[in-house]
All heavy atoms as atom14 arrays in JSON, in Angstrom:
{
  "sequence": "DGQYWWKPASLVGVGWQGMTELIAPGDFDSDGHDDV",
  "atom14_mask": [
    [1, 1, 1, 1, 1, 1, 1, 1, 0, 0, 0, 0, 0, 0],
    [1, 1, 1, 1, 0, 0, 0, 0, 0, 0, 0, 0, 0, 0],
    [1, 1, 1, 1, 1, 1, 1, 1, 1, 0, 0, 0, 0, 0],
    [1, 1, 1, 1, 1, 1, 1, 1, 1, 1, 1, 1, 0, 0],
    [1, 1, 1, 1, 1, 1, 1, 1, 1, 1, 1, 1, 1, 1],
    [1, 1, 1, 1, 1, 1, 1, 1, 1, 1, 1, 1, 1, 1],
    [1, 1, 1, 1, 1, 1, 1, 1, 1, 0, 0, 0, 0, 0],
    [1, 1, 1, 1, 1, 1, 1, 0, 0, 0, 0, 0, 0, 0],
    [1, 1, 1, 1, 1, 0, 0, 0, 0, 0, 0, 0, 0, 0],
    [1, 1, 1, 1, 1, 1, 0, 0, 0, 0, 0, 0, 0, 0],
    [1, 1, 1, 1, 1, 1, 1, 1, 0, 0, 0, 0, 0, 0],
    [1, 1, 1, 1, 1, 1, 1, 0, 0, 0, 0, 0, 0, 0],
    [1, 1, 1, 1, 0, 0, 0, 0, 0, 0, 0, 0, 0, 0],
    [1, 1, 1, 1, 1, 1, 1, 0, 0, 0, 0, 0, 0, 0],
    [1, 1, 1, 1, 0, 0, 0, 0, 0, 0, 0, 0, 0, 0],
    [1, 1, 1, 1, 1, 1, 1, 1, 1, 1, 1, 1, 1, 1],
    [1, 1, 1, 1, 1, 1, 1, 1, 1, 0, 0, 0, 0, 0],
    [1, 1, 1, 1, 0, 0, 0, 0, 0, 0, 0, 0, 0, 0],
    [1, 1, 1, 1, 1, 1, 1, 1, 0, 0, 0, 0, 0, 0],
    [1, 1, 1, 1, 1, 1, 1, 0, 0, 0, 0, 0, 0, 0],
    [1, 1, 1, 1, 1, 1, 1, 1, 1, 0, 0, 0, 0, 0],
    [1, 1, 1, 1, 1, 1, 1, 1, 0, 0, 0, 0, 0, 0],
    [1, 1, 1, 1, 1, 1, 1, 1, 0, 0, 0, 0, 0, 0],
    [1, 1, 1, 1, 1, 0, 0, 0, 0, 0, 0, 0, 0, 0],
    [1, 1, 1, 1, 1, 1, 1, 0, 0, 0, 0, 0, 0, 0],
    [1, 1, 1, 1, 0, 0, 0, 0, 0, 0, 0, 0, 0, 0],
    [1, 1, 1, 1, 1, 1, 1, 1, 0, 0, 0, 0, 0, 0],
    [1, 1, 1, 1, 1, 1, 1, 1, 1, 1, 1, 0, 0, 0],
    [1, 1, 1, 1, 1, 1, 1, 1, 0, 0, 0, 0, 0, 0],
    [1, 1, 1, 1, 1, 1, 0, 0, 0, 0, 0, 0, 0, 0],
    [1, 1, 1, 1, 1, 1, 1, 1, 0, 0, 0, 0, 0, 0],
    [1, 1, 1, 1, 0, 0, 0, 0, 0, 0, 0, 0, 0, 0],
    [1, 1, 1, 1, 1, 1, 1, 1, 1, 1, 0, 0, 0, 0],
    [1, 1, 1, 1, 1, 1, 1, 1, 0, 0, 0, 0, 0, 0],
    [1, 1, 1, 1, 1, 1, 1, 1, 0, 0, 0, 0, 0, 0],
    [1, 1, 1, 1, 1, 1, 1, 0, 0, 0, 0, 0, 0, 0]
  ],
  "atom14_positions": [
    [[5.83, 7.91, -10.78], [5.65, 8.03, -12.21], [6.8, 7.48, -13.0], [6.88, 7.56, -14.25], [5.46, 9.5, -12.65], [6.73, 10.38, -12.37], [7.71, 9.84, -11.75], [6.7, 11.57, -12.67], [0.0, 0.0, 0.0], [0.0, 0.0, 0.0], [0.0, 0.0, 0.0], [0.0, 0.0, 0.0], [0.0, 0.0, 0.0], [0.0, 0.0, 0.0]],
    [[7.79, 6.86, -12.3], [8.91, 6.29, -12.93], [10.0, 7.28, -13.3], [10.97, 6.94, -13.9], [0.0, 0.0, 0.0], [0.0, 0.0, 0.0], [0.0, 0.0, 0.0], [0.0, 0.0, 0.0], [0.0, 0.0, 0.0], [0.0, 0.0, 0.0], [0.0, 0.0, 0.0], [0.0, 0.0, 0.0], [0.0, 0.0, 0.0], [0.0, 0.0, 0.0]],
    [[9.75, 8.53, -13.03], [10.76, 9.57, -13.33], [11.15, 10.34, -12.08], [11.36, 11.55, -12.08], [10.15, 10.61, -14.38], [9.77, 9.9, -15.63], [10.91, 9.4, -16.4], [12.03, 9.99, -16.46], [10.79, 8.23, -17.07], [0.0, 0.0, 0.0], [0.0, 0.0, 0.0], [0.0, 0.0, 0.0], [0.0, 0.0, 0.0], [0.0, 0.0, 0.0]],
    [[11.15, 9.63, -10.93], [11.51, 10.29, -9.61], [10.53, 11.29, -9.19], [10.89, 12.26, -8.43], [12.95, 10.88, -9.65], [14.0, 9.91, -10.1], [14.53, 9.92, -11.34], [14.47, 8.95, -9.21], [15.49, 9.05, -11.82], [15.46, 8.04, -9.61], [15.95, 8.1, -10.87], [16.95, 7.21, -11.27], [0.0, 0.0, 0.0], [0.0, 0.0, 0.0]],
    [[9.24, 11.14, -9.59], [8.26, 12.01, -9.06], [6.89, 11.23, -8.92], [6.93, 10.0, -9.02], [8.08, 13.27, -9.89], [7.57, 14.47, -9.09], [6.34, 14.99, -9.22], [8.16, 15.1, -7.93], [6.17, 15.98, -8.32], [7.31, 16.09, -7.47], [9.41, 14.92, -7.35], [7.61, 16.92, -6.46], [9.76, 15.74, -6.3], [8.84, 16.76, -5.86]],
    [[5.81, 11.91, -8.81], [4.55, 11.3, -8.4], [3.45, 11.58, -9.39], [3.36, 12.63, -9.93], [4.12, 11.73, -7.04], [5.22, 11.69, -6.02], [6.0, 12.67, -5.52], [5.63, 10.5, -5.31], [6.89, 12.18, -4.61], [6.69, 10.84, -4.43], [5.19, 9.19, -5.33], [7.4, 9.96, -3.61], [5.93, 8.27, -4.52], [6.93, 8.65, -3.67]],
    [[2.55, 10.62, -9.51], [1.27, 10.82, -10.13], [0.3, 11.32, -9.05], [0.68, 11.32, -7.86], [0.75, 9.53, -10.73], [1.62, 8.92, -11.83], [1.05, 7.59, -12.35], [1.88, 7.02, -13.42], [1.38, 5.7, -13.9], [0.0, 0.0, 0.0], [0.0, 0.0, 0.0], [0.0, 0.0, 0.0], [0.0, 0.0, 0.0], [0.0, 0.0, 0.0]],
    [[-0.88, 11.8, -9.4], [-1.84, 12.29, -8.3], [-2.09, 11.28, -7.3], [-2.34, 10.09, -7.58], [-3.09, 12.68, -9.18], [-2.55, 12.92, -10.57], [-1.41, 11.92, -10.76], [0.0, 0.0, 0.0], [0.0, 0.0, 0.0], [0.0, 0.0, 0.0], [0.0, 0.0, 0.0], [0.0, 0.0, 0.0], [0.0, 0.0, 0.0], [0.0, 0.0, 0.0]],
    [[-2.14, 11.73, -6.03], [-2.37, 10.84, -4.93], [-3.88, 10.51, -4.82], [-4.69, 11.3, -5.35], [-1.94, 11.44, -3.62], [0.0, 0.0, 0.0], [0.0, 0.0, 0.0], [0.0, 0.0, 0.0], [0.0, 0.0, 0.0], [0.0, 0.0, 0.0], [0.0, 0.0, 0.0], [0.0, 0.0, 0.0], [0.0, 0.0, 0.0], [0.0, 0.0, 0.0]],
    [[-4.18, 9.42, -4.22], [-5.59, 9.08, -3.97], [-5.83, 8.47, -2.64], [-4.91, 7.81, -2.11], [-6.07, 8.09, -5.13], [-5.33, 6.9, -5.08], [0.0, 0.0, 0.0], [0.0, 0.0, 0.0], [0.0, 0.0, 0.0], [0.0, 0.0, 0.0], [0.0, 0.0, 0.0], [0.0, 0.0, 0.0], [0.0, 0.0, 0.0], [0.0, 0.0, 0.0]],
    [[-7.0, 8.68, -2.1], [-7.35, 8.01, -0.8], [-7.77, 6.63, -1.03], [-8.6, 6.28, -1.8], [-8.53, 8.8, -0.2], [-9.04, 8.38, 1.18], [-7.93, 8.68, 2.22], [-10.29, 9.13, 1.57], [0.0, 0.0, 0.0], [0.0, 0.0, 0.0], [0.0, 0.0, 0.0], [0.0, 0.0, 0.0], [0.0, 0.0, 0.0], [0.0, 0.0, 0.0]],
    [[-7.09, 5.72, -0.31], [-7.34, 4.23, -0.49], [-7.89, 3.62, 0.8], [-8.01, 2.34, 0.81], [-6.06, 3.49, -0.96], [-5.67, 3.99, -2.34], [-4.91, 3.68, 0.03], [0.0, 0.0, 0.0], [0.0, 0.0, 0.0], [0.0, 0.0, 0.0], [0.0, 0.0, 0.0], [0.0, 0.0, 0.0], [0.0, 0.0, 0.0], [0.0, 0.0, 0.0]],
    [[-8.15, 4.33, 1.8], [-8.69, 3.76, 3.01], [-8.85, 4.78, 4.17], [-8.23, 5.82, 4.14], [0.0, 0.0, 0.0], [0.0, 0.0, 0.0], [0.0, 0.0, 0.0], [0.0, 0.0, 0.0], [0.0, 0.0, 0.0], [0.0, 0.0, 0.0], [0.0, 0.0, 0.0], [0.0, 0.0, 0.0], [0.0, 0.0, 0.0], [0.0, 0.0, 0.0]],
    [[-9.76, 4.41, 5.06], [-10.01, 5.22, 6.25], [-10.07, 4.27, 7.49], [-10.19, 3.05, 7.31], [-11.28, 6.09, 6.18], [-11.19, 7.1, 5.12], [-12.51, 5.17, 5.99], [0.0, 0.0, 0.0], [0.0, 0.0, 0.0], [0.0, 0.0, 0.0], [0.0, 0.0, 0.0], [0.0, 0.0, 0.0], [0.0, 0.0, 0.0], [0.0, 0.0, 0.0]],
    [[-9.89, 4.8, 8.66], [-9.98, 3.98, 9.88], [-8.65, 3.22, 10.23], [-8.72, 2.34, 11.07], [0.0, 0.0, 0.0], [0.0, 0.0, 0.0], [0.0, 0.0, 0.0], [0.0, 0.0, 0.0], [0.0, 0.0, 0.0], [0.0, 0.0, 0.0], [0.0, 0.0, 0.0], [0.0, 0.0, 0.0], [0.0, 0.0, 0.0], [0.0, 0.0, 0.0]],
    [[-7.6, 3.61, 9.56], [-6.33, 2.89, 9.83], [-5.6, 3.37, 11.06], [-4.54, 2.95, 11.39], [-5.42, 3.04, 8.64], [-5.89, 2.26, 7.4], [-6.92, 2.62, 6.58], [-5.42, 1.03, 6.97], [-7.1, 1.67, 5.6], [-6.18, 0.63, 5.82], [-4.41, 0.16, 7.37], [-5.93, -0.51, 5.11], [-4.13, -1.02, 6.63], [-4.87, -1.36, 5.53]],
    [[-6.19, 4.37, 11.75], [-5.51, 4.91, 13.03], [-5.38, 3.9, 14.12], [-4.57, 4.01, 15.02], [-6.19, 6.19, 13.53], [-7.59, 5.89, 14.11], [-8.65, 5.99, 13.06], [-8.46, 5.83, 11.88], [-9.94, 6.26, 13.5], [0.0, 0.0, 0.0], [0.0, 0.0, 0.0], [0.0, 0.0, 0.0], [0.0, 0.0, 0.0], [0.0, 0.0, 0.0]],
    [[-6.17, 2.83, 14.04], [-6.12, 1.8, 15.03], [-5.03, 0.77, 14.86], [-4.87, -0.14, 15.72], [0.0, 0.0, 0.0], [0.0, 0.0, 0.0], [0.0, 0.0, 0.0], [0.0, 0.0, 0.0], [0.0, 0.0, 0.0], [0.0, 0.0, 0.0], [0.0, 0.0, 0.0], [0.0, 0.0, 0.0], [0.0, 0.0, 0.0], [0.0, 0.0, 0.0]],
    [[-4.2, 0.9, 13.82], [-3.18, 0.01, 13.56], [-1.82, 0.45, 14.15], [-1.47, 1.61, 13.87], [-2.95, -0.26, 12.01], [-4.29, -0.69, 11.35], [-4.88, -2.26, 12.05], [-6.43, -2.44, 11.13], [0.0, 0.0, 0.0], [0.0, 0.0, 0.0], [0.0, 0.0, 0.0], [0.0, 0.0, 0.0], [0.0, 0.0, 0.0], [0.0, 0.0, 0.0]],
    [[-1.18, -0.36, 14.89], [0.06, -0.01, 15.53], [1.25, -0.41, 14.64], [2.4, 0.06, 15.02], [0.22, -0.72, 16.87], [0.16, -2.12, 16.68], [-0.96, -0.3, 17.8], [0.0, 0.0, 0.0], [0.0, 0.0, 0.0], [0.0, 0.0, 0.0], [0.0, 0.0, 0.0], [0.0, 0.0, 0.0], [0.0, 0.0, 0.0], [0.0, 0.0, 0.0]],
    [[1.08, -1.14, 13.6], [2.18, -1.44, 12.72], [1.52, -1.74, 11.32], [0.5, -2.38, 11.18], [2.88, -2.73, 13.14], [4.23, -2.96, 12.57], [5.33, -2.03, 13.04], [5.85, -2.28, 14.11], [5.61, -1.05, 12.31], [0.0, 0.0, 0.0], [0.0, 0.0, 0.0], [0.0, 0.0, 0.0], [0.0, 0.0, 0.0], [0.0, 0.0, 0.0]],
    [[2.2, -1.23, 10.31], [1.82, -1.46, 8.9], [3.06, -2.1, 8.17], [4.07, -1.49, 8.24], [1.37, -0.22, 8.21], [0.14, 0.5, 8.76], [-0.19, 1.81, 8.05], [-1.13, -0.45, 8.67], [0.0, 0.0, 0.0], [0.0, 0.0, 0.0], [0.0, 0.0, 0.0], [0.0, 0.0, 0.0], [0.0, 0.0, 0.0], [0.0, 0.0, 0.0]],
    [[2.84, -3.25, 7.59], [3.95, -4.01, 7.1], [3.73, -4.28, 5.59], [2.61, -4.58, 5.14], [4.07, -5.32, 7.79], [4.16, -5.1, 9.28], [5.27, -6.16, 7.34], [3.21, -5.81, 10.17], [0.0, 0.0, 0.0], [0.0, 0.0, 0.0], [0.0, 0.0, 0.0], [0.0, 0.0, 0.0], [0.0, 0.0, 0.0], [0.0, 0.0, 0.0]],
    [[4.76, -4.19, 4.8], [4.69, -4.41, 3.34], [5.42, -5.7, 3.05], [6.62, -5.72, 2.81], [5.3, -3.3, 2.55], [0.0, 0.0, 0.0], [0.0, 0.0, 0.0], [0.0, 0.0, 0.0], [0.0, 0.0, 0.0], [0.0, 0.0, 0.0], [0.0, 0.0, 0.0], [0.0, 0.0, 0.0], [0.0, 0.0, 0.0], [0.0, 0.0, 0.0]],
    [[4.69, -6.91, 2.99], [5.35, -8.19, 2.75], [5.54, -8.51, 1.23], [6.16, -9.43, 0.91], [4.38, -9.15, 3.37], [3.06, -8.58, 3.19], [3.26, -7.05, 3.31], [0.0, 0.0, 0.0], [0.0, 0.0, 0.0], [0.0, 0.0, 0.0], [0.0, 0.0, 0.0], [0.0, 0.0, 0.0], [0.0, 0.0, 0.0], [0.0, 0.0, 0.0]],
    [[4.92, -7.72, 0.38], [4.86, -8.1, -0.99], [3.6, -8.91, -1.2], [2.59, -8.68, -0.62], [0.0, 0.0, 0.0], [0.0, 0.0, 0.0], [0.0, 0.0, 0.0], [0.0, 0.0, 0.0], [0.0, 0.0, 0.0], [0.0, 0.0, 0.0], [0.0, 0.0, 0.0], [0.0, 0.0, 0.0], [0.0, 0.0, 0.0], [0.0, 0.0, 0.0]],
    [[3.65, -9.95, -2.08], [2.52, -10.79, -2.39], [2.44, -11.94, -1.36], [2.98, -13.05, -1.54], [2.64, -11.36, -3.77], [1.46, -12.23, -4.2], [0.45, -12.15, -3.51], [1.57, -12.86, -5.25], [0.0, 0.0, 0.0], [0.0, 0.0, 0.0], [0.0, 0.0, 0.0], [0.0, 0.0, 0.0], [0.0, 0.0, 0.0], [0.0, 0.0, 0.0]],
    [[1.74, -11.65, -0.3], [1.71, -12.53, 0.92], [0.86, -13.77, 0.64], [1.15, -14.84, 1.19], [1.21, -11.79, 2.17], [1.42, -12.57, 3.42], [2.67, -12.77, 3.94], [0.38, -13.09, 4.1], [2.84, -13.48, 5.09], [0.52, -13.77, 5.33], [1.77, -13.98, 5.8], [0.0, 0.0, 0.0], [0.0, 0.0, 0.0], [0.0, 0.0, 0.0]],
    [[-0.15, -13.67, -0.15], [-1.05, -14.79, -0.39], [-0.86, -15.44, -1.76], [-1.64, -16.25, -2.18], [-2.52, -14.38, -0.18], [-2.9, -13.17, -1.07], [-2.08, -12.77, -1.87], [-4.01, -12.67, -0.86], [0.0, 0.0, 0.0], [0.0, 0.0, 0.0], [0.0, 0.0, 0.0], [0.0, 0.0, 0.0], [0.0, 0.0, 0.0], [0.0, 0.0, 0.0]],
    [[0.13, -14.96, -2.5], [0.5, -15.55, -3.8], [-0.6, -15.52, -4.82], [-0.79, -16.47, -5.63], [0.94, -17.05, -3.62], [2.05, -17.1, -2.74], [0.0, 0.0, 0.0], [0.0, 0.0, 0.0], [0.0, 0.0, 0.0], [0.0, 0.0, 0.0], [0.0, 0.0, 0.0], [0.0, 0.0, 0.0], [0.0, 0.0, 0.0], [0.0, 0.0, 0.0]],
    [[-1.35, -14.4, -4.85], [-2.39, -14.23, -5.85], [-1.92, -13.31, -6.96], [-2.69, -12.93, -7.87], [-3.62, -13.73, -5.2], [-3.53, -12.31, -4.7], [-2.4, -11.79, -4.61], [-4.61, -11.71, -4.26], [0.0, 0.0, 0.0], [0.0, 0.0, 0.0], [0.0, 0.0, 0.0], [0.0, 0.0, 0.0], [0.0, 0.0, 0.0], [0.0, 0.0, 0.0]],
    [[-0.63, -12.9, -6.92], [-0.12, -12.1, -7.98], [-0.17, -10.55, -7.67], [0.32, -9.72, -8.48], [0.0, 0.0, 0.0], [0.0, 0.0, 0.0], [0.0, 0.0, 0.0], [0.0, 0.0, 0.0], [0.0, 0.0, 0.0], [0.0, 0.0, 0.0], [0.0, 0.0, 0.0], [0.0, 0.0, 0.0], [0.0, 0.0, 0.0], [0.0, 0.0, 0.0]],
    [[-0.69, -10.17, -6.51], [-0.87, -8.75, -6.19], [-0.14, -8.56, -4.79], [-0.26, -9.3, -3.89], [-2.32, -8.37, -6.04], [-3.12, -8.74, -7.31], [-2.77, -8.32, -8.59], [-4.31, -9.45, -7.39], [-3.62, -8.84, -9.44], [-4.59, -9.51, -8.77], [0.0, 0.0, 0.0], [0.0, 0.0, 0.0], [0.0, 0.0, 0.0], [0.0, 0.0, 0.0]],
    [[0.44, -7.35, -4.71], [1.08, -6.99, -3.41], [0.06, -6.64, -2.4], [-0.97, -6.04, -2.63], [1.98, -5.76, -3.67], [3.23, -6.15, -4.43], [3.7, -7.27, -4.21], [3.78, -5.32, -5.18], [0.0, 0.0, 0.0], [0.0, 0.0, 0.0], [0.0, 0.0, 0.0], [0.0, 0.0, 0.0], [0.0, 0.0, 0.0], [0.0, 0.0, 0.0]],
    [[0.36, -6.96, -1.1], [-0.53, -6.89, -0.02], [-0.02, -6.02, 1.09], [1.17, -5.56, 1.07], [-0.9, -8.28, 0.51], [-1.27, -9.26, -0.59], [-2.12, -8.93, -1.36], [-0.74, -10.39, -0.58], [0.0, 0.0, 0.0], [0.0, 0.0, 0.0], [0.0, 0.0, 0.0], [0.0, 0.0, 0.0], [0.0, 0.0, 0.0], [0.0, 0.0, 0.0]],
    [[-0.81, -5.81, 2.1], [-0.35, -5.09, 3.34], [-0.8, -5.97, 4.58], [-1.97, -6.45, 4.62], [-1.05, -3.73, 3.41], [-0.77, -3.08, 4.81], [-0.48, -2.84, 2.35], [0.0, 0.0, 0.0], [0.0, 0.0, 0.0], [0.0, 0.0, 0.0], [0.0, 0.0, 0.0], [0.0, 0.0, 0.0], [0.0, 0.0, 0.0], [0.0, 0.0, 0.0]]
  ]
}
């Protein structure tokens, strides 16, 4: 929320238990949006 706390959480995906690594590269494909 920009004040050292949180807005309400939301579910953004399921089935991610099969991933052995999750990486935050930023905008990996240069479309202006951050990716995973």
